[in-house]
């Protein structure tokens, strides 16, 4: 891989980094569209490797910002499943083609975009309130798998976490700690797959200042901005990008 020279790459990848930074700063869920966007302009496996160190640095900012606001029980429920999901994601990525990974990224984006539109329309966030804790472990596993393959663990995490009716900042802090743990757990799998290359690490370095600034911006804005319309636009974008990735993978 050589460092891309076309303007489209830098604009699309820059938008993806900006969105994931805002997500790490507190706008939970925005980051789910970042990997599908990147997959439009570069190999999805290399794109995931480029993005992981950025996510890990952003995790430091978000965990520090919400370090006193989290739900311990939620994390104990979900993290064991996440570890298993990451392992299954490694098995998947190690045995399929780039087109298959691109298609799966597209399907994840499409499914989660549609799910969140339905959830917002029907108000289904509390559907799991009476379910046992092992269901949370299951959703942690789904989050670990989708996070490994496409850095898109936000929606499955939210399916369970939102059903707990946590206070807003407790939800954000729990999400920050969960995904910090998940991202650091992914490093051995990415190393085993040989995904970290000189080129991807240079791209990581190019985008790191934007990543850090956008995370701090998210921390500030999440306490001041009502994100409903913004989320609607992001969900529609996720559906559109997911559809395009599935089309590219099939044809």
Protein backbone atom coordinates (compact mmCIF):
# COMPACT_ATOMS: atom_id res chain seq x y z
CA UNK A 1 0.00 0.00 0.00
CA UNK A 2 1.19 3.55 -0.83
CA UNK A 3 -0.05 6.70 0.84
CA UNK A 4 -3.08 7.85 -1.20
CA UNK A 5 -2.67 11.08 -3.13
CA UNK A 6 -6.27 11.74 -4.21
CA UNK A 7 -8.38 14.39 -2.53
CA UNK A 8 -11.39 12.08 -2.08
CA UNK A 9 -9.42 9.80 0.23
CA UNK A 10 -8.34 12.61 2.54
CA UNK A 11 -11.83 14.17 2.66
CA UNK A 12 -13.67 10.91 3.32
CA UNK A 13 -11.11 9.52 5.76
CA UNK A 14 -10.91 12.90 7.51
CA UNK A 15 -14.69 12.91 7.95
CA UNK A 16 -14.50 9.39 9.38
CA UNK A 17 -11.83 10.44 11.90
CA UNK A 18 -13.82 13.52 12.87
CA UNK A 19 -16.96 11.44 13.53
CA UNK A 20 -15.15 8.83 15.57
CA UNK A 21 -13.55 11.61 17.61
CA UNK A 22 -16.94 13.12 18.39
CA UNK A 23 -18.15 9.62 19.30
CA UNK A 24 -15.26 9.12 21.70
CA UNK A 25 -16.02 12.51 23.19
CA UNK A 26 -19.56 11.44 24.09
CA UNK A 27 -21.73 11.30 20.96
CA UNK A 28 -22.05 7.52 21.29
CA UNK A 29 -22.78 5.74 18.03
CA UNK A 30 -21.33 8.25 15.59
CA UNK A 31 -18.18 6.18 15.27
CA UNK A 32 -20.08 3.26 13.73
CA UNK A 33 -20.06 5.01 10.35
CA UNK A 34 -16.29 5.67 10.38
CA UNK A 35 -15.10 2.26 9.18
CA UNK A 36 -17.73 1.98 6.42
CA UNK A 37 -16.64 5.41 5.17
CA UNK A 38 -12.98 4.44 5.20
CA UNK A 39 -13.81 1.19 3.38
CA UNK A 40 -15.11 3.30 0.49
CA UNK A 41 -11.65 4.73 -0.18
CA UNK A 42 -9.16 2.05 0.97
CA UNK A 43 -8.80 -1.64 1.75
CA UNK A 44 -11.02 -2.30 4.82
CA UNK A 45 -8.45 -4.49 6.58
CA UNK A 46 -5.73 -1.84 6.22
CA UNK A 47 -8.24 0.86 7.11
CA UNK A 48 -9.07 -0.92 10.36
CA UNK A 49 -5.36 -1.13 11.18
CA UNK A 50 -4.91 2.58 10.46
CA UNK A 51 -7.83 3.45 12.72
CA UNK A 52 -7.04 1.27 15.75
CA UNK A 53 -4.09 3.30 17.16
CA UNK A 54 -6.18 6.45 16.70
CA UNK A 55 -9.02 4.90 18.68
CA UNK A 56 -6.62 3.88 21.44
CA UNK A 57 -5.29 7.43 21.84
CA UNK A 58 -8.84 8.81 21.79
CA UNK A 59 -9.76 6.27 24.48
CA UNK A 60 -7.24 7.86 26.83
CA UNK A 61 -8.96 11.24 26.42
CA UNK A 62 -12.51 9.91 26.80
CA UNK A 63 -11.78 7.60 29.76
CA UNK A 64 -9.99 10.41 31.61
CA UNK A 65 -12.85 12.82 30.91
CA UNK A 66 -15.51 10.44 32.29
CA UNK A 67 -13.34 8.42 34.70
CA UNK A 68 -15.71 8.87 37.67
CA UNK A 69 -18.94 8.20 35.78
CA UNK A 70 -19.53 4.56 34.82
CA UNK A 71 -21.57 1.48 35.73
CA UNK A 72 -19.38 -1.33 37.09
CA UNK A 73 -22.04 -4.04 36.75
CA UNK A 74 -22.58 -3.26 33.06
CA UNK A 75 -18.87 -3.64 32.35
CA UNK A 76 -18.67 -6.97 34.21
CA UNK A 77 -21.62 -8.23 32.16
CA UNK A 78 -20.29 -7.23 28.75
CA UNK A 79 -16.48 -7.45 28.72
CA UNK A 80 -16.16 -11.28 28.95
CA UNK A 81 -18.41 -11.63 25.90
CA UNK A 82 -16.42 -8.94 24.12
CA UNK A 83 -13.19 -10.93 24.54
CA UNK A 84 -14.82 -13.97 22.90
CA UNK A 85 -16.28 -11.80 20.12
CA UNK A 86 -12.83 -10.38 19.33
CA UNK A 87 -11.44 -13.92 19.06
CA UNK A 88 -14.23 -14.90 16.65
CA UNK A 89 -13.60 -11.72 14.65
CA UNK A 90 -9.94 -12.69 14.34
CA UNK A 91 -10.92 -16.12 13.05
CA UNK A 92 -13.24 -14.52 10.49
CA UNK A 93 -10.75 -11.92 9.25
CA UNK A 94 -8.00 -14.55 9.00
CA UNK A 95 -9.97 -16.82 6.68
CA UNK A 96 -11.87 -14.66 4.18
CA UNK A 97 -11.16 -12.32 1.28
CA UNK A 98 -11.06 -8.53 1.31
CA UNK A 99 -14.37 -8.42 -0.58
CA UNK A 100 -15.98 -10.56 2.12
CA UNK A 101 -14.73 -8.20 4.82
CA UNK A 102 -16.01 -5.22 2.82
CA UNK A 103 -19.39 -6.91 2.40
CA UNK A 104 -19.63 -7.67 6.11
CA UNK A 105 -18.73 -4.07 6.99
CA UNK A 106 -21.51 -2.95 4.65
CA UNK A 107 -24.04 -5.36 6.15
CA UNK A 108 -23.14 -4.24 9.68
CA UNK A 109 -23.56 -0.58 8.73
CA UNK A 110 -26.85 -1.25 6.92
CA UNK A 111 -28.33 -3.39 9.71
CA UNK A 112 -27.34 -1.05 12.53
CA UNK A 113 -28.42 2.06 10.65
CA UNK A 114 -31.87 0.55 10.07
CA UNK A 115 -32.05 -0.71 13.66
CA UNK A 116 -31.32 2.71 15.10
CA UNK A 117 -33.88 4.39 12.86
CA UNK A 118 -36.53 1.91 14.05
CA UNK A 119 -35.42 2.28 17.67
CA UNK A 120 -35.64 6.06 17.53
CA UNK A 121 -39.03 5.89 15.82
CA UNK A 122 -40.65 3.32 18.10
CA UNK A 123 -38.78 4.00 21.34
CA UNK A 124 -37.67 0.40 21.91
CA UNK A 125 -34.61 1.12 24.08
CA UNK A 126 -36.13 -0.38 27.22
CA UNK A 127 -37.16 -3.72 25.70
CA UNK A 128 -34.46 -5.71 27.56
CA UNK A 129 -35.02 -4.41 31.09
CA UNK A 130 -36.27 -7.72 32.48
CA UNK A 131 -33.68 -9.95 30.81
CA UNK A 132 -30.88 -11.76 32.76
CA UNK A 133 -27.29 -10.58 32.86
CA UNK A 134 -26.06 -13.25 30.40
CA UNK A 135 -27.96 -11.41 27.66
CA UNK A 136 -25.63 -8.50 28.30
CA UNK A 137 -22.69 -10.88 27.88
CA UNK A 138 -24.14 -11.96 24.53
CA UNK A 139 -24.41 -8.35 23.32
CA UNK A 140 -20.87 -7.76 24.58
CA UNK A 141 -19.80 -10.62 22.31
CA UNK A 142 -21.58 -9.08 19.33
CA UNK A 143 -19.94 -5.73 20.12
CA UNK A 144 -16.51 -7.38 20.33
CA UNK A 145 -16.97 -9.15 16.98
CA UNK A 146 -18.27 -6.14 15.07
CA UNK A 147 -15.65 -3.91 16.70
CA UNK A 148 -12.85 -6.22 15.57
CA UNK A 149 -14.11 -6.52 12.00
CA UNK A 150 -15.36 -2.98 11.43
CA UNK A 151 -14.76 -0.83 14.55
CA UNK A 152 -18.57 -0.82 14.77
CA UNK A 153 -19.27 -2.12 18.25
CA UNK A 154 -21.33 0.91 19.28
CA UNK A 155 -24.82 -0.22 18.21
CA UNK A 156 -24.74 -3.68 19.90
CA UNK A 157 -23.27 -2.07 23.02
CA UNK A 158 -26.13 0.44 23.00
CA UNK A 159 -28.79 -2.26 22.58
CA UNK A 160 -27.95 -3.54 26.05
CA UNK A 161 -26.61 -0.40 27.74
CA UNK A 162 -29.58 1.79 26.79
CA UNK A 163 -31.95 -0.81 28.24
CA UNK A 164 -30.35 -0.20 31.64
CA UNK A 165 -31.73 3.38 31.69
CA UNK A 166 -28.43 4.77 32.95
CA UNK A 167 -27.95 8.49 33.54
CA UNK A 168 -26.53 10.18 30.44
CA UNK A 169 -22.96 10.71 31.69
CA UNK A 170 -22.84 7.24 33.31
CA UNK A 171 -23.76 5.75 29.94
CA UNK A 172 -21.02 7.77 28.22
CA UNK A 173 -18.40 6.84 30.83
CA UNK A 174 -19.32 3.14 30.69
CA UNK A 175 -19.08 3.23 26.90
CA UNK A 176 -15.67 4.92 27.07
CA UNK A 177 -14.23 2.30 29.43
CA UNK A 178 -15.80 -0.63 27.56
CA UNK A 179 -14.38 0.37 24.19
CA UNK A 180 -11.00 1.31 25.63
CA UNK A 181 -10.74 -2.25 26.96
CA UNK A 182 -12.02 -3.70 23.67
CA UNK A 183 -9.57 -1.71 21.54
CA UNK A 184 -6.57 -2.73 23.62
CA UNK A 185 -7.72 -6.37 23.48
CA UNK A 186 -7.75 -6.15 19.68
CA UNK A 187 -4.03 -5.34 19.40
CA UNK A 188 -2.74 -8.97 19.61
CA UNK A 189 -5.25 -10.08 16.95
CA UNK A 190 -4.24 -7.26 14.61
CA UNK A 191 -0.57 -8.08 15.15
CA UNK A 192 -1.25 -11.76 14.43
CA UNK A 193 -2.95 -10.81 11.17
CA UNK A 194 0.01 -8.60 10.16
CA UNK A 195 -2.27 -5.59 9.72
CA UNK A 196 0.10 -2.96 11.12
CA UNK A 197 2.38 -1.80 8.30
CA UNK A 198 4.63 1.22 7.81
CA UNK A 199 2.06 2.78 5.46
CA UNK A 200 -0.91 2.37 7.80
CA UNK A 201 1.08 3.73 10.74
CA UNK A 202 2.09 6.80 8.70
CA UNK A 203 -1.57 7.41 7.89
CA UNK A 204 -2.34 7.06 11.59
CA UNK A 205 0.23 9.75 12.36
CA UNK A 206 -1.19 12.09 9.71
CA UNK A 207 -4.71 11.87 11.16
CA UNK A 208 -3.79 11.84 14.87
CA UNK A 209 -4.02 15.63 15.48
CA UNK A 210 -7.54 15.74 14.00
CA UNK A 211 -8.47 12.68 16.07
CA UNK A 212 -7.37 14.25 19.35
CA UNK A 213 -8.94 17.66 18.65
CA UNK A 214 -12.27 16.12 17.62
CA UNK A 215 -12.37 14.01 20.80
CA UNK A 216 -11.89 17.06 23.01
CA UNK A 217 -14.56 18.84 20.93
CA UNK A 218 -16.96 15.95 21.57
CA UNK A 219 -16.34 16.12 25.33
CA UNK A 220 -17.26 19.82 25.31
CA UNK A 221 -20.19 19.64 22.87
CA UNK A 222 -21.92 16.56 24.32
CA UNK A 223 -22.88 18.53 27.42
CA UNK A 224 -24.32 21.40 25.36
CA UNK A 225 -25.78 20.06 22.12
CA UNK A 226 -29.00 18.15 21.45
CA UNK A 227 -27.88 15.54 18.89
CA UNK A 228 -31.23 14.13 17.63
CA UNK A 229 -31.14 15.60 14.11
CA UNK A 230 -27.43 14.94 13.81
CA UNK A 231 -27.98 11.27 14.68
CA UNK A 232 -30.74 11.02 12.08
CA UNK A 233 -28.37 12.28 9.38
CA UNK A 234 -25.63 9.89 10.52
CA UNK A 235 -28.00 6.89 10.51
CA UNK A 236 -29.14 7.70 6.99
CA UNK A 237 -25.50 8.11 5.92
CA UNK A 238 -24.67 4.73 7.48
CA UNK A 239 -27.46 3.05 5.50
CA UNK A 240 -26.31 4.65 2.26
CA UNK A 241 -22.65 3.75 2.79
CA UNK A 242 -23.54 0.21 3.88
CA UNK A 243 -25.63 -0.30 0.75
CA UNK A 244 -22.76 0.89 -1.46
CA UNK A 245 -20.23 -1.40 0.26
CA UNK A 246 -22.50 -4.43 -0.17
CA UNK A 247 -22.95 -3.52 -3.86
CA UNK A 248 -19.17 -3.26 -4.34
CA UNK A 249 -18.57 -6.58 -2.58
CA UNK A 250 -21.14 -8.38 -4.73
CA UNK A 251 -20.43 -6.78 -8.10
